[in-house]
Amino acid sequence: MIDLRNYRIIDLTEEMRPGIMKVNHRYLHRVDTVSPNRRLELVQFIYQPNDDFMHQVYTETHIGTHVEVSSHLNFDKTQPYGKEGGMNCAEFPIETWLGACCVLDFTYKKPINGVGQSIIAKDCEPVKNQDIVLMRSPYRGRERPYLTAEAQQHLIDKHIKQWGFQGVSWGSDPDGHDVFQLNNIPIIEGLVNLDKIKRQRVFYIGTVLKWVGLDACWLRAIVLEER
């Protein structure tokens, strides 16, 4: 039995505030600022057999804290509707979504002339085989440090289970995130609070819904950090 008193539990999940249509037709306006251009709506209704409140949910898979998998890829981008490829969320084994995690803090890679520095393979040496890898920096936009192709390959060779980030870019190539997905390494987006993690090695949990066909799924991502 795990004694949670021995761990700090750190929530890495963005809070989302949807618009809500109440049963009395009163609409509570959406105040979410995390993904304001993507739909997030609840419609309240009464479930007649029990006369209880329930909700219908209208949203997108790529919103808030979520994980993307390889079925998100378009394998023929020359066509308006290319070929969907790769594995969907339900096809990954459950152990993909939790396990030993290496947290790499690149605060020291300060931008030079407003441009982020590169992350090379040597910077990823603390990563162990089959780790989940989280990377962070306090920088934004062009100032974010970015993964080089050799760093990506180093992580692929380590057979990492997932890659997540906050304030780090997957590289100068706009299709750089495809490199991980082509190797069936899910990408965790929309993480927060990575700066609250003190240790380099923690235990990560961020399971997906077992819905067949999803190219991405919302998460409640947390880490357990030994006290």
C-alpha atoms as a PDB file:
ATOM      1  CA  MET A   1       0.000   0.000   0.000  1.00  0.00           C
ATOM      2  CA  ILE A   2       1.303   3.464  -0.933  1.00  0.00           C
ATOM      3  CA  ASP A   3       1.290   5.883   1.990  1.00  0.00           C
ATOM      4  CA  LEU A   4       0.437   9.225   0.380  1.00  0.00           C
ATOM      5  CA  ARG A   5       1.616  11.053   3.467  1.00  0.00           C
ATOM      6  CA  ASN A   6       5.139  10.392   2.176  1.00  0.00           C
ATOM      7  CA  TYR A   7       4.480  12.324  -1.047  1.00  0.00           C
ATOM      8  CA  ARG A   8       3.620  15.785  -2.248  1.00  0.00           C
ATOM      9  CA  ILE A   9       0.789  15.598  -4.802  1.00  0.00           C
ATOM     10  CA  ILE A  10       1.249  18.274  -7.463  1.00  0.00           C
ATOM     11  CA  ASP A  11      -1.615  18.999  -9.859  1.00  0.00           C
ATOM     12  CA  LEU A  12      -0.327  19.775 -13.371  1.00  0.00           C
ATOM     13  CA  THR A  13      -3.783  20.365 -14.863  1.00  0.00           C
ATOM     14  CA  GLU A  14      -5.250  23.628 -16.138  1.00  0.00           C
ATOM     15  CA  GLU A  15      -8.629  24.589 -14.730  1.00  0.00           C
ATOM     16  CA  MET A  16     -11.276  24.912 -17.439  1.00  0.00           C
ATOM     17  CA  ARG A  17     -14.444  27.008 -17.070  1.00  0.00           C
ATOM     18  CA  PRO A  18     -17.080  26.077 -19.654  1.00  0.00           C
ATOM     19  CA  GLY A  19     -20.177  27.940 -20.710  1.00  0.00           C
ATOM     20  CA  ILE A  20     -23.257  26.356 -19.105  1.00  0.00           C
ATOM     21  CA  MET A  21     -26.851  26.359 -20.357  1.00  0.00           C
ATOM     22  CA  LYS A  22     -29.051  25.707 -17.306  1.00  0.00           C
ATOM     23  CA  VAL A  23     -32.393  23.902 -17.412  1.00  0.00           C
ATOM     24  CA  ASN A  24     -34.152  27.236 -16.828  1.00  0.00           C
ATOM     25  CA  HIS A  25     -32.499  28.465 -20.079  1.00  0.00           C
ATOM     26  CA  ARG A  26     -30.187  30.777 -18.165  1.00  0.00           C
ATOM     27  CA  TYR A  27     -26.793  30.791 -19.848  1.00  0.00           C
ATOM     28  CA  LEU A  28     -23.668  31.185 -17.726  1.00  0.00           C
ATOM     29  CA  HIS A  29     -21.066  32.742 -19.981  1.00  0.00           C
ATOM     30  CA  ARG A  30     -17.802  30.929 -20.523  1.00  0.00           C
ATOM     31  CA  VAL A  31     -14.908  32.606 -18.714  1.00  0.00           C
ATOM     32  CA  ASP A  32     -12.190  30.116 -19.671  1.00  0.00           C
ATOM     33  CA  THR A  33      -9.022  31.825 -20.915  1.00  0.00           C
ATOM     34  CA  VAL A  34      -6.960  28.655 -21.444  1.00  0.00           C
ATOM     35  CA  SER A  35      -8.317  27.702 -24.871  1.00  0.00           C
ATOM     36  CA  PRO A  36     -10.773  30.518 -25.683  1.00  0.00           C
ATOM     37  CA  ASN A  37     -11.027  29.703 -29.394  1.00  0.00           C
ATOM     38  CA  ARG A  38     -12.086  26.099 -28.852  1.00  0.00           C
ATOM     39  CA  ARG A  39     -15.562  24.960 -27.904  1.00  0.00           C
ATOM     40  CA  LEU A  40     -16.291  24.062 -24.288  1.00  0.00           C
ATOM     41  CA  GLU A  41     -19.997  24.018 -23.415  1.00  0.00           C
ATOM     42  CA  LEU A  42     -22.236  22.165 -20.962  1.00  0.00           C
ATOM     43  CA  VAL A  43     -25.989  21.804 -21.435  1.00  0.00           C
ATOM     44  CA  GLN A  44     -27.837  20.881 -18.251  1.00  0.00           C
ATOM     45  CA  PHE A  45     -30.919  18.657 -18.418  1.00  0.00           C
ATOM     46  CA  ILE A  46     -33.167  16.644 -16.115  1.00  0.00           C
ATOM     47  CA  TYR A  47     -32.853  12.879 -16.319  1.00  0.00           C
ATOM     48  CA  GLN A  48     -36.522  11.905 -16.118  1.00  0.00           C
ATOM     49  CA  PRO A  49     -36.360   8.421 -14.481  1.00  0.00           C
ATOM     50  CA  ASN A  50     -34.738   9.893 -11.355  1.00  0.00           C
ATOM     51  CA  ASP A  51     -35.481  13.618 -11.799  1.00  0.00           C
ATOM     52  CA  ASP A  52     -31.751  14.310 -11.386  1.00  0.00           C
ATOM     53  CA  PHE A  53     -29.478  16.858 -13.045  1.00  0.00           C
ATOM     54  CA  MET A  54     -27.148  15.664 -15.802  1.00  0.00           C
ATOM     55  CA  HIS A  55     -25.057  17.366 -18.520  1.00  0.00           C
ATOM     56  CA  GLN A  56     -24.351  16.998 -22.188  1.00  0.00           C
ATOM     57  CA  VAL A  57     -20.806  18.080 -23.075  1.00  0.00           C
ATOM     58  CA  TYR A  58     -19.774  19.830 -26.299  1.00  0.00           C
ATOM     59  CA  THR A  59     -16.035  20.289 -26.693  1.00  0.00           C
ATOM     60  CA  GLU A  60     -12.906  19.298 -28.644  1.00  0.00           C
ATOM     61  CA  THR A  61     -10.185  16.791 -27.915  1.00  0.00           C
ATOM     62  CA  HIS A  62      -7.367  19.370 -28.121  1.00  0.00           C
ATOM     63  CA  ILE A  63      -8.329  21.644 -25.262  1.00  0.00           C
ATOM     64  CA  GLY A  64      -6.834  22.365 -21.857  1.00  0.00           C
ATOM     65  CA  THR A  65      -4.418  19.784 -20.480  1.00  0.00           C
ATOM     66  CA  HIS A  66      -4.511  16.919 -22.953  1.00  0.00           C
ATOM     67  CA  VAL A  67      -2.431  14.225 -24.594  1.00  0.00           C
ATOM     68  CA  GLU A  68      -2.034  13.756 -28.355  1.00  0.00           C
ATOM     69  CA  VAL A  69      -1.362  10.361 -29.940  1.00  0.00           C
ATOM     70  CA  SER A  70      -0.301   9.173 -33.357  1.00  0.00           C
ATOM     71  CA  SER A  71      -3.809   8.859 -34.858  1.00  0.00           C
ATOM     72  CA  HIS A  72      -3.778  12.677 -34.814  1.00  0.00           C
ATOM     73  CA  LEU A  73      -1.399  12.604 -37.772  1.00  0.00           C
ATOM     74  CA  ASN A  74      -2.400  13.172 -41.360  1.00  0.00           C
ATOM     75  CA  PHE A  75      -0.242  10.755 -43.351  1.00  0.00           C
ATOM     76  CA  ASP A  76      -0.927  12.470 -46.672  1.00  0.00           C
ATOM     77  CA  LYS A  77      -0.782  16.231 -46.219  1.00  0.00           C
ATOM     78  CA  THR A  78      -0.853  16.746 -49.987  1.00  0.00           C
ATOM     79  CA  GLN A  79      -4.581  15.966 -49.905  1.00  0.00           C
ATOM     80  CA  PRO A  80      -7.368  18.026 -48.286  1.00  0.00           C
ATOM     81  CA  TYR A  81      -8.479  14.897 -46.434  1.00  0.00           C
ATOM     82  CA  GLY A  82      -5.419  12.738 -45.977  1.00  0.00           C
ATOM     83  CA  LYS A  83      -5.013   9.322 -44.424  1.00  0.00           C
ATOM     84  CA  GLU A  84      -5.442   9.080 -40.665  1.00  0.00           C
ATOM     85  CA  GLY A  85      -2.711   6.934 -39.169  1.00  0.00           C
ATOM     86  CA  GLY A  86      -1.241   5.539 -35.998  1.00  0.00           C
ATOM     87  CA  MET A  87      -2.797   4.356 -32.735  1.00  0.00           C
ATOM     88  CA  ASN A  88      -5.755   5.975 -30.991  1.00  0.00           C
ATOM     89  CA  CYS A  89      -5.840   6.603 -27.239  1.00  0.00           C
ATOM     90  CA  ALA A  90      -7.640   3.364 -26.385  1.00  0.00           C
ATOM     91  CA  GLU A  91      -5.005   1.255 -28.138  1.00  0.00           C
ATOM     92  CA  PHE A  92      -2.124   2.216 -25.854  1.00  0.00           C
ATOM     93  CA  PRO A  93      -1.484  -0.062 -22.853  1.00  0.00           C
ATOM     94  CA  ILE A  94      -2.547   1.417 -19.512  1.00  0.00           C
ATOM     95  CA  GLU A  95       1.055   1.568 -18.267  1.00  0.00           C
ATOM     96  CA  THR A  96       1.748   4.213 -20.941  1.00  0.00           C
ATOM     97  CA  TRP A  97      -0.126   6.776 -18.877  1.00  0.00           C
ATOM     98  CA  LEU A  98       1.697   6.453 -15.575  1.00  0.00           C
ATOM     99  CA  GLY A  99       5.150   5.647 -14.292  1.00  0.00           C
ATOM    100  CA  ALA A 100       8.623   6.908 -13.444  1.00  0.00           C
ATOM    101  CA  CYS A 101       9.121  10.449 -14.650  1.00  0.00           C
ATOM    102  CA  CYS A 102      12.162  12.631 -15.286  1.00  0.00           C
ATOM    103  CA  VAL A 103      11.618  16.396 -14.947  1.00  0.00           C
ATOM    104  CA  LEU A 104      14.136  18.606 -16.776  1.00  0.00           C
ATOM    105  CA  ASP A 105      14.236  22.312 -15.918  1.00  0.00           C
ATOM    106  CA  PHE A 106      15.783  24.521 -18.613  1.00  0.00           C
ATOM    107  CA  THR A 107      15.490  27.848 -16.799  1.00  0.00           C
ATOM    108  CA  TYR A 108      19.264  28.153 -17.179  1.00  0.00           C
ATOM    109  CA  LYS A 109      18.919  28.231 -20.981  1.00  0.00           C
ATOM    110  CA  LYS A 110      18.206  31.937 -21.141  1.00  0.00           C
ATOM    111  CA  PRO A 111      17.244  33.321 -24.562  1.00  0.00           C
ATOM    112  CA  ILE A 112      19.968  35.012 -26.589  1.00  0.00           C
ATOM    113  CA  ASN A 113      18.891  38.173 -28.425  1.00  0.00           C
ATOM    114  CA  GLY A 114      15.265  37.185 -27.859  1.00  0.00           C
ATOM    115  CA  VAL A 115      15.687  33.688 -29.327  1.00  0.00           C
ATOM    116  CA  GLY A 116      15.522  30.462 -27.336  1.00  0.00           C
ATOM    117  CA  GLN A 117      18.513  28.167 -26.979  1.00  0.00           C
ATOM    118  CA  SER A 118      18.687  24.628 -28.280  1.00  0.00           C
ATOM    119  CA  ILE A 119      18.259  21.507 -26.157  1.00  0.00           C
ATOM    120  CA  ILE A 120      20.744  18.858 -27.237  1.00  0.00           C
ATOM    121  CA  ALA A 121      21.145  15.182 -26.411  1.00  0.00           C
ATOM    122  CA  LYS A 122      23.609  15.914 -23.611  1.00  0.00           C
ATOM    123  CA  ASP A 123      20.948  17.984 -21.839  1.00  0.00           C
ATOM    124  CA  CYS A 124      18.745  14.878 -21.731  1.00  0.00           C
ATOM    125  CA  GLU A 125      21.292  12.537 -20.114  1.00  0.00           C
ATOM    126  CA  PRO A 126      19.319  12.213 -16.827  1.00  0.00           C
ATOM    127  CA  VAL A 127      16.503  10.465 -18.725  1.00  0.00           C
ATOM    128  CA  LYS A 128      16.297   6.731 -18.085  1.00  0.00           C
ATOM    129  CA  ASN A 129      14.895   3.991 -20.280  1.00  0.00           C
ATOM    130  CA  GLN A 130      11.063   3.946 -20.326  1.00  0.00           C
ATOM    131  CA  ASP A 131      10.762   7.260 -18.484  1.00  0.00           C
ATOM    132  CA  ILE A 132       7.951   9.739 -18.935  1.00  0.00           C
ATOM    133  CA  VAL A 133       9.752  13.035 -19.643  1.00  0.00           C
ATOM    134  CA  LEU A 134       8.544  16.497 -18.634  1.00  0.00           C
ATOM    135  CA  MET A 135      10.441  19.638 -19.657  1.00  0.00           C
ATOM    136  CA  ARG A 136       9.936  23.203 -18.470  1.00  0.00           C
ATOM    137  CA  SER A 137      11.247  26.742 -18.702  1.00  0.00           C
ATOM    138  CA  PRO A 138       9.770  30.119 -17.688  1.00  0.00           C
ATOM    139  CA  TYR A 139      10.083  31.508 -21.237  1.00  0.00           C
ATOM    140  CA  ARG A 140       7.413  32.086 -23.880  1.00  0.00           C
ATOM    141  CA  GLY A 141       7.111  32.382 -27.632  1.00  0.00           C
ATOM    142  CA  ARG A 142      10.389  32.650 -29.516  1.00  0.00           C
ATOM    143  CA  GLU A 143      12.305  32.773 -26.233  1.00  0.00           C
ATOM    144  CA  ARG A 144      11.493  29.169 -25.366  1.00  0.00           C
ATOM    145  CA  PRO A 145      14.326  26.611 -25.517  1.00  0.00           C
ATOM    146  CA  TYR A 146      13.674  24.042 -28.220  1.00  0.00           C
ATOM    147  CA  LEU A 147      14.459  20.390 -28.873  1.00  0.00           C
ATOM    148  CA  THR A 148      17.004  19.606 -31.568  1.00  0.00           C
ATOM    149  CA  ALA A 149      16.629  16.582 -33.820  1.00  0.00           C
ATOM    150  CA  GLU A 150      19.456  14.842 -31.948  1.00  0.00           C
ATOM    151  CA  ALA A 151      17.716  15.414 -28.602  1.00  0.00           C
ATOM    152  CA  GLN A 152      14.498  13.979 -30.005  1.00  0.00           C
ATOM    153  CA  GLN A 153      16.361  10.948 -31.311  1.00  0.00           C
ATOM    154  CA  HIS A 154      18.095  10.492 -27.947  1.00  0.00           C
ATOM    155  CA  LEU A 155      14.698  10.372 -26.227  1.00  0.00           C
ATOM    156  CA  ILE A 156      13.322   7.982 -28.843  1.00  0.00           C
ATOM    157  CA  ASP A 157      16.336   5.699 -28.326  1.00  0.00           C
ATOM    158  CA  LYS A 158      15.551   5.748 -24.584  1.00  0.00           C
ATOM    159  CA  HIS A 159      12.073   4.422 -25.436  1.00  0.00           C
ATOM    160  CA  ILE A 160      10.405   7.155 -23.391  1.00  0.00           C
ATOM    161  CA  LYS A 161       6.702   6.558 -22.787  1.00  0.00           C
ATOM    162  CA  GLN A 162       5.516  10.186 -23.111  1.00  0.00           C
ATOM    163  CA  TRP A 163       6.883  13.705 -23.561  1.00  0.00           C
ATOM    164  CA  GLY A 164       5.283  16.734 -21.915  1.00  0.00           C
ATOM    165  CA  PHE A 165       6.325  20.364 -21.772  1.00  0.00           C
ATOM    166  CA  GLN A 166       5.715  23.849 -20.398  1.00  0.00           C
ATOM    167  CA  GLY A 167       7.720  26.723 -21.866  1.00  0.00           C
ATOM    168  CA  VAL A 168       9.636  24.398 -24.205  1.00  0.00           C
ATOM    169  CA  SER A 169       9.214  23.969 -27.969  1.00  0.00           C
ATOM    170  CA  TRP A 170       9.501  20.747 -29.962  1.00  0.00           C
ATOM    171  CA  GLY A 171      11.830  22.456 -32.422  1.00  0.00           C
ATOM    172  CA  SER A 172      12.112  24.916 -35.266  1.00  0.00           C
ATOM    173  CA  ASP A 173      10.382  22.526 -37.683  1.00  0.00           C
ATOM    174  CA  PRO A 174       6.589  23.097 -37.465  1.00  0.00           C
ATOM    175  CA  ASP A 175       6.110  19.344 -37.871  1.00  0.00           C
ATOM    176  CA  GLY A 176       8.651  18.564 -35.137  1.00  0.00           C
ATOM    177  CA  HIS A 177       6.043  17.046 -32.855  1.00  0.00           C
ATOM    178  CA  ASP A 178       5.331  14.433 -35.532  1.00  0.00           C
ATOM    179  CA  VAL A 179       8.702  12.823 -34.779  1.00  0.00           C
ATOM    180  CA  PHE A 180       7.476  11.604 -31.394  1.00  0.00           C
ATOM    181  CA  GLN A 181       4.052  10.609 -32.644  1.00  0.00           C
ATOM    182  CA  LEU A 182       5.504   8.622 -35.545  1.00  0.00           C
ATOM    183  CA  ASN A 183       7.264   6.584 -32.853  1.00  0.00           C
ATOM    184  CA  ASN A 184       4.034   6.226 -30.840  1.00  0.00           C
ATOM    185  CA  ILE A 185       5.273   8.548 -28.085  1.00  0.00           C
ATOM    186  CA  PRO A 186       2.271  10.584 -26.880  1.00  0.00           C
ATOM    187  CA  ILE A 187       2.729  14.331 -26.309  1.00  0.00           C
ATOM    188  CA  ILE A 188       1.270  16.005 -23.214  1.00  0.00           C
ATOM    189  CA  GLU A 189       0.181  19.594 -23.853  1.00  0.00           C
ATOM    190  CA  GLY A 190      -1.297  22.307 -21.643  1.00  0.00           C
ATOM    191  CA  LEU A 191       0.647  21.386 -18.496  1.00  0.00           C
ATOM    192  CA  VAL A 192       0.942  23.864 -15.623  1.00  0.00           C
ATOM    193  CA  ASN A 193       2.796  24.015 -12.300  1.00  0.00           C
ATOM    194  CA  LEU A 194       5.921  22.215 -13.476  1.00  0.00           C
ATOM    195  CA  ASP A 195       7.840  24.903 -11.578  1.00  0.00           C
ATOM    196  CA  LYS A 196       6.379  23.532  -8.323  1.00  0.00           C
ATOM    197  CA  ILE A 197       8.187  20.212  -8.767  1.00  0.00           C
ATOM    198  CA  LYS A 198      11.374  20.200  -6.686  1.00  0.00           C
ATOM    199  CA  ARG A 199      12.851  16.806  -7.524  1.00  0.00           C
ATOM    200  CA  GLN A 200      14.133  15.584 -10.865  1.00  0.00           C
ATOM    201  CA  ARG A 201      12.543  12.168 -10.427  1.00  0.00           C
ATOM    202  CA  VAL A 202       8.856  11.816  -9.571  1.00  0.00           C
ATOM    203  CA  PHE A 203       5.948   9.476 -10.350  1.00  0.00           C
ATOM    204  CA  TYR A 204       3.545  10.733 -13.036  1.00  0.00           C
ATOM    205  CA  ILE A 205      -0.139   9.816 -13.477  1.00  0.00           C
ATOM    206  CA  GLY A 206      -2.309  11.113 -16.328  1.00  0.00           C
ATOM    207  CA  THR A 207      -4.697   8.460 -17.620  1.00  0.00           C
ATOM    208  CA  VAL A 208      -6.973   8.836 -20.640  1.00  0.00           C
ATOM    209  CA  LEU A 209     -10.587   7.837 -21.202  1.00  0.00           C
ATOM    210  CA  LYS A 210     -10.938   4.447 -22.877  1.00  0.00           C
ATOM    211  CA  TRP A 211     -12.874   5.852 -25.819  1.00  0.00           C
ATOM    212  CA  VAL A 212     -12.072   4.085 -29.076  1.00  0.00           C
ATOM    213  CA  GLY A 213     -10.973   6.425 -31.861  1.00  0.00           C
ATOM    214  CA  LEU A 214      -9.766   9.464 -29.899  1.00  0.00           C
ATOM    215  CA  ASP A 215      -6.729  11.199 -31.425  1.00  0.00           C
ATOM    216  CA  ALA A 216      -6.289  13.161 -28.179  1.00  0.00           C
ATOM    217  CA  CYS A 217      -7.829  13.118 -24.729  1.00  0.00           C
ATOM    218  CA  TRP A 218      -8.241  15.426 -21.743  1.00  0.00           C
ATOM    219  CA  LEU A 219      -6.212  14.605 -18.634  1.00  0.00           C
ATOM    220  CA  ARG A 220      -6.092  15.191 -14.903  1.00  0.00           C
ATOM    221  CA  ALA A 221      -2.295  15.080 -14.756  1.00  0.00           C
ATOM    222  CA  ILE A 222      -0.511  14.844 -11.400  1.00  0.00           C
ATOM    223  CA  VAL A 223       2.862  13.835 -10.023  1.00  0.00           C
ATOM    224  CA  LEU A 224       3.761  12.217  -6.720  1.00  0.00           C
ATOM    225  CA  GLU A 225       6.971  13.669  -5.322  1.00  0.00           C
ATOM    226  CA  GLU A 226       8.716  12.093  -2.338  1.00  0.00           C
ATOM    227  CA  ARG A 227       8.871  14.416   0.667  1.00  0.00           C
END
